[in-house]
Amino acid sequence: MTVKKRQSIERQIVTRILTDAVHQGHEVAVSIDNGVSKVVKPTTDIEKILAGMFSVDDEHLLVYRNGTFCGWVYLVYGNDGWDVINDYTSNLEIVLEGANDLADQIADRS
């Protein structure tokens, strides 16, 4: 698989996470550490969230509801693409259902 294809798969899955989270009433922030920790503030603007992502090897999505932190998703880039979701808090299982299904479908085709 090419790097470009892997990155496309990672972006599809991450976009699905964000879309589902926002549609279920959540705000999402991104925690990035490239030597200096940076957190993109919680928002429902998916394009804004995506614009702050994919510049490091791993990131945390921080999920909020009504301004209250409710969980996280740990993303790791650079493997097979479909396995970008590395870990998450179990209370986000419903939010991640569509992204996990998408990842499974892509993995089955690989």
N, C-alpha and C. Protein backbone atom coordinates (compact mmCIF):
# COMPACT_ATOMS: atom_id res chain seq x y z
N MET A 1 0.86 -1.18 0.00
CA MET A 1 0.00 0.00 0.00
C MET A 1 0.90 1.24 0.00
N THR A 2 0.50 2.23 -0.76
CA THR A 2 1.26 3.47 -0.80
C THR A 2 0.97 4.32 0.44
N VAL A 3 1.88 5.21 0.74
CA VAL A 3 1.68 6.13 1.87
C VAL A 3 0.44 6.97 1.63
N LYS A 4 0.26 7.42 0.40
CA LYS A 4 -0.90 8.26 0.08
C LYS A 4 -2.22 7.50 0.33
N LYS A 5 -2.27 6.23 -0.04
CA LYS A 5 -3.47 5.42 0.18
C LYS A 5 -3.72 5.22 1.67
N ARG A 6 -2.66 4.91 2.43
CA ARG A 6 -2.79 4.73 3.87
C ARG A 6 -3.31 6.00 4.53
N GLN A 7 -2.76 7.14 4.16
CA GLN A 7 -3.19 8.40 4.73
C GLN A 7 -4.65 8.70 4.38
N SER A 8 -5.06 8.32 3.18
CA SER A 8 -6.45 8.51 2.78
C SER A 8 -7.39 7.66 3.65
N ILE A 9 -6.98 6.45 3.93
CA ILE A 9 -7.79 5.57 4.79
C ILE A 9 -7.87 6.14 6.20
N GLU A 10 -6.74 6.58 6.74
CA GLU A 10 -6.75 7.18 8.08
C GLU A 10 -7.67 8.38 8.13
N ARG A 11 -7.60 9.22 7.12
CA ARG A 11 -8.45 10.42 7.07
C ARG A 11 -9.93 10.05 7.00
N GLN A 12 -10.28 9.02 6.21
CA GLN A 12 -11.68 8.58 6.13
C GLN A 12 -12.21 8.15 7.49
N ILE A 13 -11.42 7.37 8.21
CA ILE A 13 -11.85 6.85 9.50
C ILE A 13 -11.95 7.97 10.53
N VAL A 14 -10.95 8.85 10.55
CA VAL A 14 -10.98 9.97 11.49
C VAL A 14 -12.16 10.90 11.19
N THR A 15 -12.40 11.15 9.91
CA THR A 15 -13.54 11.99 9.52
C THR A 15 -14.85 11.36 9.97
N ARG A 16 -14.94 10.05 9.89
CA ARG A 16 -16.15 9.36 10.35
C ARG A 16 -16.32 9.51 11.86
N ILE A 17 -15.23 9.41 12.60
CA ILE A 17 -15.30 9.62 14.06
C ILE A 17 -15.85 11.01 14.35
N LEU A 18 -15.27 12.01 13.71
CA LEU A 18 -15.68 13.39 13.97
C LEU A 18 -17.12 13.64 13.56
N THR A 19 -17.51 13.16 12.40
CA THR A 19 -18.88 13.35 11.90
C THR A 19 -19.89 12.71 12.86
N ASP A 20 -19.62 11.49 13.26
CA ASP A 20 -20.54 10.79 14.16
C ASP A 20 -20.59 11.48 15.53
N ALA A 21 -19.44 11.89 16.03
CA ALA A 21 -19.41 12.57 17.34
C ALA A 21 -20.23 13.85 17.30
N VAL A 22 -20.02 14.66 16.28
CA VAL A 22 -20.75 15.93 16.16
C VAL A 22 -22.24 15.68 15.98
N HIS A 23 -22.60 14.72 15.15
CA HIS A 23 -24.03 14.42 14.93
C HIS A 23 -24.70 13.87 16.18
N GLN A 24 -23.92 13.30 17.09
CA GLN A 24 -24.47 12.79 18.35
C GLN A 24 -24.41 13.83 19.47
N GLY A 25 -24.09 15.08 19.11
CA GLY A 25 -24.16 16.17 20.08
C GLY A 25 -22.88 16.47 20.84
N HIS A 26 -21.76 15.99 20.35
CA HIS A 26 -20.49 16.21 21.04
C HIS A 26 -19.68 17.32 20.37
N GLU A 27 -18.77 17.90 21.15
CA GLU A 27 -17.74 18.78 20.63
C GLU A 27 -16.45 17.98 20.71
N VAL A 28 -15.49 18.29 19.83
CA VAL A 28 -14.24 17.54 19.82
C VAL A 28 -13.06 18.51 19.80
N ALA A 29 -12.04 18.19 20.59
CA ALA A 29 -10.77 18.90 20.58
C ALA A 29 -9.69 17.91 20.18
N VAL A 30 -8.56 18.44 19.73
CA VAL A 30 -7.43 17.58 19.37
C VAL A 30 -6.25 17.96 20.25
N SER A 31 -5.63 16.95 20.84
CA SER A 31 -4.42 17.16 21.63
C SER A 31 -3.24 16.66 20.82
N ILE A 32 -2.31 17.57 20.52
CA ILE A 32 -1.16 17.27 19.69
C ILE A 32 0.10 17.55 20.50
N ASP A 33 1.06 16.63 20.44
CA ASP A 33 2.33 16.86 21.12
C ASP A 33 3.46 16.60 20.14
N ASN A 34 4.02 17.67 19.61
CA ASN A 34 5.17 17.57 18.70
C ASN A 34 6.39 18.21 19.37
N GLY A 35 6.52 17.95 20.65
CA GLY A 35 7.57 18.57 21.45
C GLY A 35 7.01 19.68 22.32
N VAL A 36 5.93 20.27 21.85
CA VAL A 36 5.20 21.29 22.59
C VAL A 36 3.73 20.89 22.55
N SER A 37 3.14 20.65 23.70
CA SER A 37 1.73 20.24 23.73
C SER A 37 0.84 21.37 23.22
N LYS A 38 -0.13 20.98 22.42
CA LYS A 38 -1.08 21.95 21.86
C LYS A 38 -2.45 21.29 21.85
N VAL A 39 -3.46 22.00 22.27
CA VAL A 39 -4.82 21.48 22.23
C VAL A 39 -5.67 22.45 21.40
N VAL A 40 -6.28 21.91 20.35
CA VAL A 40 -7.24 22.69 19.57
C VAL A 40 -8.53 22.68 20.38
N LYS A 41 -9.09 23.83 20.64
CA LYS A 41 -10.27 23.96 21.51
C LYS A 41 -11.44 23.13 21.01
N PRO A 42 -12.30 22.66 21.93
CA PRO A 42 -13.48 21.88 21.54
C PRO A 42 -14.37 22.66 20.58
N THR A 43 -14.80 21.98 19.54
CA THR A 43 -15.64 22.60 18.53
C THR A 43 -16.47 21.53 17.82
N THR A 44 -17.48 21.96 17.10
CA THR A 44 -18.25 21.07 16.23
C THR A 44 -17.88 21.29 14.76
N ASP A 45 -16.92 22.16 14.50
CA ASP A 45 -16.47 22.47 13.15
C ASP A 45 -15.47 21.41 12.69
N ILE A 46 -15.96 20.42 11.96
CA ILE A 46 -15.15 19.28 11.55
C ILE A 46 -13.95 19.72 10.71
N GLU A 47 -14.13 20.66 9.81
CA GLU A 47 -13.01 21.13 8.98
C GLU A 47 -11.93 21.78 9.83
N LYS A 48 -12.32 22.52 10.84
CA LYS A 48 -11.36 23.15 11.74
C LYS A 48 -10.57 22.09 12.51
N ILE A 49 -11.26 21.06 12.96
CA ILE A 49 -10.59 19.98 13.68
C ILE A 49 -9.60 19.28 12.77
N LEU A 50 -10.05 18.91 11.57
CA LEU A 50 -9.18 18.22 10.62
C LEU A 50 -7.97 19.05 10.24
N ALA A 51 -8.14 20.36 10.15
CA ALA A 51 -7.03 21.25 9.78
C ALA A 51 -5.91 21.22 10.81
N GLY A 52 -6.24 20.89 12.05
CA GLY A 52 -5.23 20.83 13.09
C GLY A 52 -4.62 19.46 13.30
N MET A 53 -4.98 18.50 12.44
CA MET A 53 -4.57 17.12 12.64
C MET A 53 -3.54 16.65 11.61
N PHE A 54 -3.04 15.45 11.85
CA PHE A 54 -2.19 14.70 10.92
C PHE A 54 -0.78 15.26 10.77
N SER A 55 -0.31 16.03 11.74
CA SER A 55 1.05 16.58 11.63
C SER A 55 2.05 15.82 12.49
N VAL A 56 1.59 14.87 13.27
CA VAL A 56 2.45 14.08 14.15
C VAL A 56 2.09 12.60 14.00
N ASP A 57 2.82 11.73 14.69
CA ASP A 57 2.59 10.29 14.57
C ASP A 57 1.39 9.78 15.35
N ASP A 58 0.96 10.52 16.37
CA ASP A 58 -0.19 10.10 17.17
C ASP A 58 -0.85 11.32 17.78
N GLU A 59 -2.14 11.19 18.02
CA GLU A 59 -2.94 12.30 18.56
C GLU A 59 -4.06 11.74 19.43
N HIS A 60 -4.58 12.60 20.27
CA HIS A 60 -5.78 12.28 21.06
C HIS A 60 -6.92 13.18 20.61
N LEU A 61 -8.05 12.59 20.35
CA LEU A 61 -9.29 13.36 20.20
C LEU A 61 -9.91 13.41 21.59
N LEU A 62 -10.25 14.59 22.03
CA LEU A 62 -10.87 14.78 23.34
C LEU A 62 -12.32 15.14 23.10
N VAL A 63 -13.22 14.34 23.63
CA VAL A 63 -14.64 14.47 23.34
C VAL A 63 -15.36 15.10 24.53
N TYR A 64 -16.19 16.08 24.22
CA TYR A 64 -16.93 16.84 25.23
C TYR A 64 -18.42 16.79 24.91
N ARG A 65 -19.22 16.95 25.93
CA ARG A 65 -20.67 17.10 25.77
C ARG A 65 -21.10 18.23 26.69
N ASN A 66 -21.73 19.24 26.12
CA ASN A 66 -22.17 20.41 26.89
C ASN A 66 -21.02 21.01 27.70
N GLY A 67 -19.84 21.04 27.11
CA GLY A 67 -18.68 21.64 27.75
C GLY A 67 -17.97 20.77 28.77
N THR A 68 -18.47 19.57 28.99
CA THR A 68 -17.88 18.66 29.97
C THR A 68 -17.14 17.53 29.27
N PHE A 69 -15.89 17.31 29.65
CA PHE A 69 -15.09 16.23 29.07
C PHE A 69 -15.76 14.89 29.33
N CYS A 70 -15.86 14.06 28.29
CA CYS A 70 -16.50 12.76 28.50
C CYS A 70 -15.72 11.58 27.94
N GLY A 71 -14.59 11.81 27.30
CA GLY A 71 -13.79 10.67 26.84
C GLY A 71 -12.76 11.07 25.80
N TRP A 72 -11.95 10.08 25.39
CA TRP A 72 -10.89 10.34 24.43
C TRP A 72 -10.74 9.18 23.47
N VAL A 73 -10.14 9.49 22.32
CA VAL A 73 -9.79 8.49 21.32
C VAL A 73 -8.32 8.70 21.00
N TYR A 74 -7.51 7.64 21.08
CA TYR A 74 -6.09 7.72 20.78
C TYR A 74 -5.87 7.20 19.36
N LEU A 75 -5.31 8.05 18.51
CA LEU A 75 -5.06 7.73 17.11
C LEU A 75 -3.56 7.56 16.88
N VAL A 76 -3.18 6.50 16.17
CA VAL A 76 -1.78 6.28 15.80
C VAL A 76 -1.73 6.13 14.29
N TYR A 77 -0.89 6.95 13.67
CA TYR A 77 -0.76 6.96 12.21
C TYR A 77 0.46 6.15 11.76
N GLY A 78 0.42 5.71 10.50
CA GLY A 78 1.60 5.11 9.89
C GLY A 78 1.64 3.61 9.84
N ASN A 79 0.59 2.93 10.26
CA ASN A 79 0.58 1.48 10.20
C ASN A 79 -0.14 1.03 8.93
N ASP A 80 -1.31 0.42 9.04
CA ASP A 80 -2.04 -0.05 7.87
C ASP A 80 -3.19 0.87 7.46
N GLY A 81 -3.41 1.93 8.20
CA GLY A 81 -4.48 2.87 7.88
C GLY A 81 -5.77 2.52 8.59
N TRP A 82 -6.28 1.32 8.36
CA TRP A 82 -7.55 0.90 8.98
C TRP A 82 -7.41 0.75 10.49
N ASP A 83 -6.18 0.64 10.99
CA ASP A 83 -5.94 0.46 12.43
C ASP A 83 -5.57 1.76 13.13
N VAL A 84 -5.97 2.88 12.58
CA VAL A 84 -5.65 4.20 13.13
C VAL A 84 -6.21 4.40 14.54
N ILE A 85 -7.36 3.80 14.84
CA ILE A 85 -7.92 3.89 16.19
C ILE A 85 -7.16 2.90 17.05
N ASN A 86 -6.34 3.43 17.95
CA ASN A 86 -5.48 2.59 18.77
C ASN A 86 -6.14 2.24 20.10
N ASP A 87 -6.86 3.21 20.69
CA ASP A 87 -7.48 3.01 21.99
C ASP A 87 -8.52 4.10 22.20
N TYR A 88 -9.43 3.87 23.15
CA TYR A 88 -10.44 4.88 23.47
C TYR A 88 -11.13 4.52 24.76
N THR A 89 -11.77 5.51 25.35
CA THR A 89 -12.54 5.24 26.56
C THR A 89 -13.81 4.49 26.15
N SER A 90 -14.16 3.50 26.93
CA SER A 90 -15.26 2.60 26.55
C SER A 90 -16.61 3.30 26.46
N ASN A 91 -16.77 4.44 27.12
CA ASN A 91 -18.06 5.13 27.04
C ASN A 91 -18.29 5.76 25.66
N LEU A 92 -17.28 5.75 24.79
CA LEU A 92 -17.43 6.29 23.43
C LEU A 92 -17.73 5.19 22.40
N GLU A 93 -18.00 3.99 22.88
CA GLU A 93 -18.26 2.86 21.97
C GLU A 93 -19.35 3.19 20.94
N ILE A 94 -20.43 3.82 21.36
CA ILE A 94 -21.52 4.15 20.43
C ILE A 94 -21.06 5.20 19.42
N VAL A 95 -20.30 6.17 19.87
CA VAL A 95 -19.78 7.21 18.97
C VAL A 95 -18.88 6.59 17.91
N LEU A 96 -18.11 5.58 18.29
CA LEU A 96 -17.11 4.99 17.39
C LEU A 96 -17.63 3.80 16.58
N GLU A 97 -18.88 3.46 16.77
CA GLU A 97 -19.43 2.29 16.09
C GLU A 97 -19.25 2.36 14.57
N GLY A 98 -19.62 3.49 13.97
CA GLY A 98 -19.50 3.64 12.52
C GLY A 98 -18.06 3.62 12.05
N ALA A 99 -17.17 4.28 12.78
CA ALA A 99 -15.74 4.29 12.40
C ALA A 99 -15.13 2.90 12.54
N ASN A 100 -15.50 2.19 13.60
CA ASN A 100 -14.98 0.83 13.77
C ASN A 100 -15.49 -0.10 12.67
N ASP A 101 -16.76 0.05 12.29
CA ASP A 101 -17.31 -0.75 11.19
C ASP A 101 -16.58 -0.43 9.88
N LEU A 102 -16.35 0.86 9.62
CA LEU A 102 -15.61 1.27 8.43
C LEU A 102 -14.21 0.67 8.43
N ALA A 103 -13.52 0.75 9.55
CA ALA A 103 -12.17 0.19 9.67
C ALA A 103 -12.19 -1.31 9.39
N ASP A 104 -13.18 -2.03 9.93
CA ASP A 104 -13.29 -3.46 9.70
C ASP A 104 -13.52 -3.78 8.23
N GLN A 105 -14.38 -2.99 7.57
CA GLN A 105 -14.64 -3.21 6.14
C GLN A 105 -13.37 -3.00 5.32
N ILE A 106 -12.62 -1.96 5.62
CA ILE A 106 -11.39 -1.69 4.89
C ILE A 106 -10.36 -2.79 5.16
N ALA A 107 -10.25 -3.23 6.41
CA ALA A 107 -9.31 -4.30 6.76
C ALA A 107 -9.66 -5.59 6.02
N ASP A 108 -10.95 -5.89 5.91
CA ASP A 108 -11.39 -7.11 5.21
C ASP A 108 -11.03 -7.09 3.73
N ARG A 109 -10.98 -5.88 3.14
CA ARG A 109 -10.64 -5.76 1.72
C ARG A 109 -9.13 -5.78 1.48
N SER A 110 -8.36 -5.61 2.56
CA SER A 110 -6.89 -5.55 2.43
C SER A 110 -6.28 -6.92 2.31
